[in-house]
Amino acid sequence: MFDIGFWELVLCAVIALLVLGPERLPGAVRSLARWVRAVRATVNAVKNELSQELQLDELQKEFDAEKLHDDLHQAEQQAMQALTPRQQASLNQLQQAAAEVQRPYADAPATEPTTAAATTPSRPSKPATPPVDTPD
């Protein structure tokens, strides 16, 4: 947090001992420790409160999304019920066309994919060019 090393702490302790004296130094250390604990507790409380607020906000967004999805589904159902006969006939034709398009894929047998080893030619075990001798 604060880039304070060991020797800086020793220097602060020596200065505090010289300024406060041996009688008041223990009380000052206790008082400083209380302040540090209070600050840490306050920081932790703020962190926890922010975390809870974020979780609450997340839950609210999820609830709103679910409610929106339900509302859209309900509107879709109401719209499907309120179709005119001409719209209903068009919808039925589209559904039949979609079923006919999917039928050949549903009836076709599954083919096994070819492996890469079967399609890749084998490599020769020896190099194609002989090694070149270089004079020493």
C-alpha atoms as a PDB file:
ATOM      1  CA  MET A   1       0.000   0.000   0.000  1.00  0.00           C
ATOM      2  CA  PHE A   2       2.586   2.583   1.155  1.00  0.00           C
ATOM      3  CA  ASP A   3       6.026   1.608  -0.034  1.00  0.00           C
ATOM      4  CA  ILE A   4       7.553   1.702   3.477  1.00  0.00           C
ATOM      5  CA  GLY A   5      10.433  -0.627   4.205  1.00  0.00           C
ATOM      6  CA  PHE A   6      11.812  -1.986   7.449  1.00  0.00           C
ATOM      7  CA  TRP A   7      14.408   0.752   7.948  1.00  0.00           C
ATOM      8  CA  GLU A   8      11.840   3.493   7.431  1.00  0.00           C
ATOM      9  CA  LEU A   9       9.686   1.916  10.179  1.00  0.00           C
ATOM     10  CA  VAL A  10      12.696   1.712  12.505  1.00  0.00           C
ATOM     11  CA  LEU A  11      13.465   5.389  11.848  1.00  0.00           C
ATOM     12  CA  CYS A  12       9.822   6.339  12.617  1.00  0.00           C
ATOM     13  CA  ALA A  13       9.944   4.320  15.854  1.00  0.00           C
ATOM     14  CA  VAL A  14      13.169   6.003  16.977  1.00  0.00           C
ATOM     15  CA  ILE A  15      11.785   9.468  16.205  1.00  0.00           C
ATOM     16  CA  ALA A  16       8.538   8.634  18.044  1.00  0.00           C
ATOM     17  CA  LEU A  17      10.550   7.415  21.053  1.00  0.00           C
ATOM     18  CA  LEU A  18      12.578  10.615  21.097  1.00  0.00           C
ATOM     19  CA  VAL A  19       9.562  12.918  20.635  1.00  0.00           C
ATOM     20  CA  LEU A  20       7.015  11.201  22.903  1.00  0.00           C
ATOM     21  CA  GLY A  21       9.327   9.637  25.408  1.00  0.00           C
ATOM     22  CA  PRO A  22       9.115   6.160  26.933  1.00  0.00           C
ATOM     23  CA  GLU A  23       6.131   7.086  29.180  1.00  0.00           C
ATOM     24  CA  ARG A  24       3.682   8.235  26.465  1.00  0.00           C
ATOM     25  CA  LEU A  25       4.826   6.000  23.570  1.00  0.00           C
ATOM     26  CA  PRO A  26       2.795   2.853  24.541  1.00  0.00           C
ATOM     27  CA  GLY A  27      -0.409   4.899  24.836  1.00  0.00           C
ATOM     28  CA  ALA A  28       0.255   6.569  21.483  1.00  0.00           C
ATOM     29  CA  VAL A  29       0.824   3.159  19.837  1.00  0.00           C
ATOM     30  CA  ARG A  30      -2.437   1.818  21.322  1.00  0.00           C
ATOM     31  CA  SER A  31      -4.327   4.887  20.135  1.00  0.00           C
ATOM     32  CA  LEU A  32      -2.808   4.582  16.636  1.00  0.00           C
ATOM     33  CA  ALA A  33      -3.746   0.873  16.534  1.00  0.00           C
ATOM     34  CA  ARG A  34      -7.367   1.748  17.454  1.00  0.00           C
ATOM     35  CA  TRP A  35      -7.530   4.301  14.625  1.00  0.00           C
ATOM     36  CA  VAL A  36      -6.097   1.808  12.124  1.00  0.00           C
ATOM     37  CA  ARG A  37      -8.643  -0.854  13.218  1.00  0.00           C
ATOM     38  CA  ALA A  38     -11.499   1.643  12.894  1.00  0.00           C
ATOM     39  CA  VAL A  39     -10.382   2.689   9.405  1.00  0.00           C
ATOM     40  CA  ARG A  40     -10.039  -0.959   8.313  1.00  0.00           C
ATOM     41  CA  ALA A  41     -13.479  -1.819   9.704  1.00  0.00           C
ATOM     42  CA  THR A  42     -15.016   1.132   7.872  1.00  0.00           C
ATOM     43  CA  VAL A  43     -13.328   0.168   4.604  1.00  0.00           C
ATOM     44  CA  ASN A  44     -14.479  -3.451   4.961  1.00  0.00           C
ATOM     45  CA  ALA A  45     -18.048  -2.309   5.704  1.00  0.00           C
ATOM     46  CA  VAL A  46     -18.060  -0.138   2.583  1.00  0.00           C
ATOM     47  CA  LYS A  47     -16.680  -3.036   0.498  1.00  0.00           C
ATOM     48  CA  ASN A  48     -19.360  -5.393   1.800  1.00  0.00           C
ATOM     49  CA  GLU A  49     -22.119  -2.852   1.162  1.00  0.00           C
ATOM     50  CA  LEU A  50     -20.921  -2.235  -2.400  1.00  0.00           C
ATOM     51  CA  SER A  51     -20.726  -5.972  -3.023  1.00  0.00           C
ATOM     52  CA  GLN A  52     -24.279  -6.463  -1.764  1.00  0.00           C
ATOM     53  CA  GLU A  53     -25.521  -3.567  -3.900  1.00  0.00           C
ATOM     54  CA  LEU A  54     -23.868  -5.046  -6.988  1.00  0.00           C
ATOM     55  CA  GLN A  55     -25.406  -8.469  -6.288  1.00  0.00           C
ATOM     56  CA  LEU A  56     -28.800  -6.853  -5.750  1.00  0.00           C
ATOM     57  CA  ASP A  57     -28.456  -4.918  -9.003  1.00  0.00           C
ATOM     58  CA  GLU A  58     -27.483  -8.124 -10.833  1.00  0.00           C
ATOM     59  CA  LEU A  59     -30.506  -9.956  -9.450  1.00  0.00           C
ATOM     60  CA  GLN A  60     -32.765  -7.050 -10.412  1.00  0.00           C
ATOM     61  CA  LYS A  61     -31.433  -7.137 -13.987  1.00  0.00           C
ATOM     62  CA  GLU A  62     -32.023 -10.906 -14.175  1.00  0.00           C
ATOM     63  CA  PHE A  63     -35.546 -10.475 -12.841  1.00  0.00           C
ATOM     64  CA  ASP A  64     -36.258  -7.689 -15.351  1.00  0.00           C
ATOM     65  CA  ALA A  65     -34.910  -9.826 -18.210  1.00  0.00           C
ATOM     66  CA  GLU A  66     -37.082 -12.784 -17.173  1.00  0.00           C
ATOM     67  CA  LYS A  67     -40.122 -10.532 -16.860  1.00  0.00           C
ATOM     68  CA  LEU A  68     -39.443  -9.040 -20.297  1.00  0.00           C
ATOM     69  CA  HIS A  69     -39.057 -12.528 -21.771  1.00  0.00           C
ATOM     70  CA  ASP A  70     -42.355 -13.618 -20.216  1.00  0.00           C
ATOM     71  CA  ASP A  71     -44.091 -10.471 -21.481  1.00  0.00           C
ATOM     72  CA  LEU A  72     -42.758 -11.034 -24.995  1.00  0.00           C
ATOM     73  CA  HIS A  73     -43.841 -14.676 -24.927  1.00  0.00           C
ATOM     74  CA  GLN A  74     -47.313 -13.674 -23.757  1.00  0.00           C
ATOM     75  CA  ALA A  75     -47.552 -11.004 -26.479  1.00  0.00           C
ATOM     76  CA  GLU A  76     -46.474 -13.565 -29.070  1.00  0.00           C
ATOM     77  CA  GLN A  77     -49.159 -15.999 -27.902  1.00  0.00           C
ATOM     78  CA  GLN A  78     -51.805 -13.280 -28.043  1.00  0.00           C
ATOM     79  CA  ALA A  79     -50.676 -12.241 -31.510  1.00  0.00           C
ATOM     80  CA  MET A  80     -50.799 -15.865 -32.730  1.00  0.00           C
ATOM     81  CA  GLN A  81     -54.360 -16.181 -31.480  1.00  0.00           C
ATOM     82  CA  ALA A  82     -55.445 -12.945 -33.161  1.00  0.00           C
ATOM     83  CA  LEU A  83     -54.295 -13.899 -36.690  1.00  0.00           C
ATOM     84  CA  THR A  84     -56.660 -13.415 -39.580  1.00  0.00           C
ATOM     85  CA  PRO A  85     -57.522 -16.528 -41.624  1.00  0.00           C
ATOM     86  CA  ARG A  86     -55.265 -15.324 -44.448  1.00  0.00           C
ATOM     87  CA  GLN A  87     -52.314 -14.821 -42.037  1.00  0.00           C
ATOM     88  CA  GLN A  88     -52.973 -18.232 -40.488  1.00  0.00           C
ATOM     89  CA  ALA A  89     -52.924 -19.874 -43.948  1.00  0.00           C
ATOM     90  CA  SER A  90     -49.610 -18.135 -44.776  1.00  0.00           C
ATOM     91  CA  LEU A  91     -48.160 -19.276 -41.470  1.00  0.00           C
ATOM     92  CA  ASN A  92     -49.243 -22.873 -42.149  1.00  0.00           C
ATOM     93  CA  GLN A  93     -47.619 -22.755 -45.600  1.00  0.00           C
ATOM     94  CA  LEU A  94     -44.361 -21.472 -44.105  1.00  0.00           C
ATOM     95  CA  GLN A  95     -44.379 -24.207 -41.480  1.00  0.00           C
ATOM     96  CA  GLN A  96     -44.949 -26.883 -44.143  1.00  0.00           C
ATOM     97  CA  ALA A  97     -42.132 -25.472 -46.286  1.00  0.00           C
ATOM     98  CA  ALA A  98     -39.782 -25.485 -43.318  1.00  0.00           C
ATOM     99  CA  ALA A  99     -40.714 -29.097 -42.545  1.00  0.00           C
ATOM    100  CA  GLU A 100     -40.055 -30.116 -46.175  1.00  0.00           C
ATOM    101  CA  VAL A 101     -36.652 -28.439 -46.138  1.00  0.00           C
ATOM    102  CA  GLN A 102     -35.666 -30.224 -42.935  1.00  0.00           C
ATOM    103  CA  ARG A 103     -37.021 -33.627 -44.030  1.00  0.00           C
ATOM    104  CA  PRO A 104     -34.086 -34.606 -46.342  1.00  0.00           C
ATOM    105  CA  TYR A 105     -31.609 -33.848 -43.592  1.00  0.00           C
ATOM    106  CA  ALA A 106     -33.529 -35.876 -41.042  1.00  0.00           C
ATOM    107  CA  ASP A 107     -33.774 -38.912 -43.394  1.00  0.00           C
ATOM    108  CA  ALA A 108     -30.131 -38.858 -44.579  1.00  0.00           C
ATOM    109  CA  PRO A 109     -27.801 -41.393 -42.901  1.00  0.00           C
ATOM    110  CA  ALA A 110     -24.946 -39.977 -40.923  1.00  0.00           C
ATOM    111  CA  THR A 111     -21.624 -40.277 -42.736  1.00  0.00           C
ATOM    112  CA  GLU A 112     -18.374 -40.802 -40.924  1.00  0.00           C
ATOM    113  CA  PRO A 113     -15.874 -37.982 -41.387  1.00  0.00           C
ATOM    114  CA  THR A 114     -12.631 -38.966 -43.053  1.00  0.00           C
ATOM    115  CA  THR A 115      -9.572 -38.826 -40.871  1.00  0.00           C
ATOM    116  CA  ALA A 116      -6.641 -36.598 -41.678  1.00  0.00           C
ATOM    117  CA  ALA A 117      -4.258 -39.586 -41.706  1.00  0.00           C
ATOM    118  CA  ALA A 118      -6.225 -41.316 -44.468  1.00  0.00           C
ATOM    119  CA  THR A 119      -6.187 -38.263 -46.749  1.00  0.00           C
ATOM    120  CA  THR A 120      -2.606 -37.123 -46.083  1.00  0.00           C
ATOM    121  CA  PRO A 121       0.060 -38.921 -48.121  1.00  0.00           C
ATOM    122  CA  SER A 122       2.753 -40.642 -46.101  1.00  0.00           C
ATOM    123  CA  ARG A 123       6.116 -38.919 -45.841  1.00  0.00           C
ATOM    124  CA  PRO A 124       9.295 -40.662 -46.933  1.00  0.00           C
ATOM    125  CA  SER A 125      11.495 -41.770 -44.058  1.00  0.00           C
ATOM    126  CA  LYS A 126      14.707 -40.577 -45.771  1.00  0.00           C
ATOM    127  CA  PRO A 127      15.316 -37.043 -47.046  1.00  0.00           C
ATOM    128  CA  ALA A 128      14.806 -36.531 -50.779  1.00  0.00           C
ATOM    129  CA  THR A 129      18.209 -34.818 -51.286  1.00  0.00           C
ATOM    130  CA  PRO A 130      21.487 -36.317 -50.150  1.00  0.00           C
ATOM    131  CA  PRO A 131      23.529 -34.378 -47.570  1.00  0.00           C
ATOM    132  CA  VAL A 132      26.118 -32.018 -49.020  1.00  0.00           C
ATOM    133  CA  ASP A 133      29.706 -32.601 -47.955  1.00  0.00           C
ATOM    134  CA  THR A 134      31.575 -29.417 -47.121  1.00  0.00           C
ATOM    135  CA  PRO A 135      35.371 -29.181 -47.257  1.00  0.00           C
ATOM    136  CA  ASP A 136      37.067 -28.769 -43.890  1.00  0.00           C
END
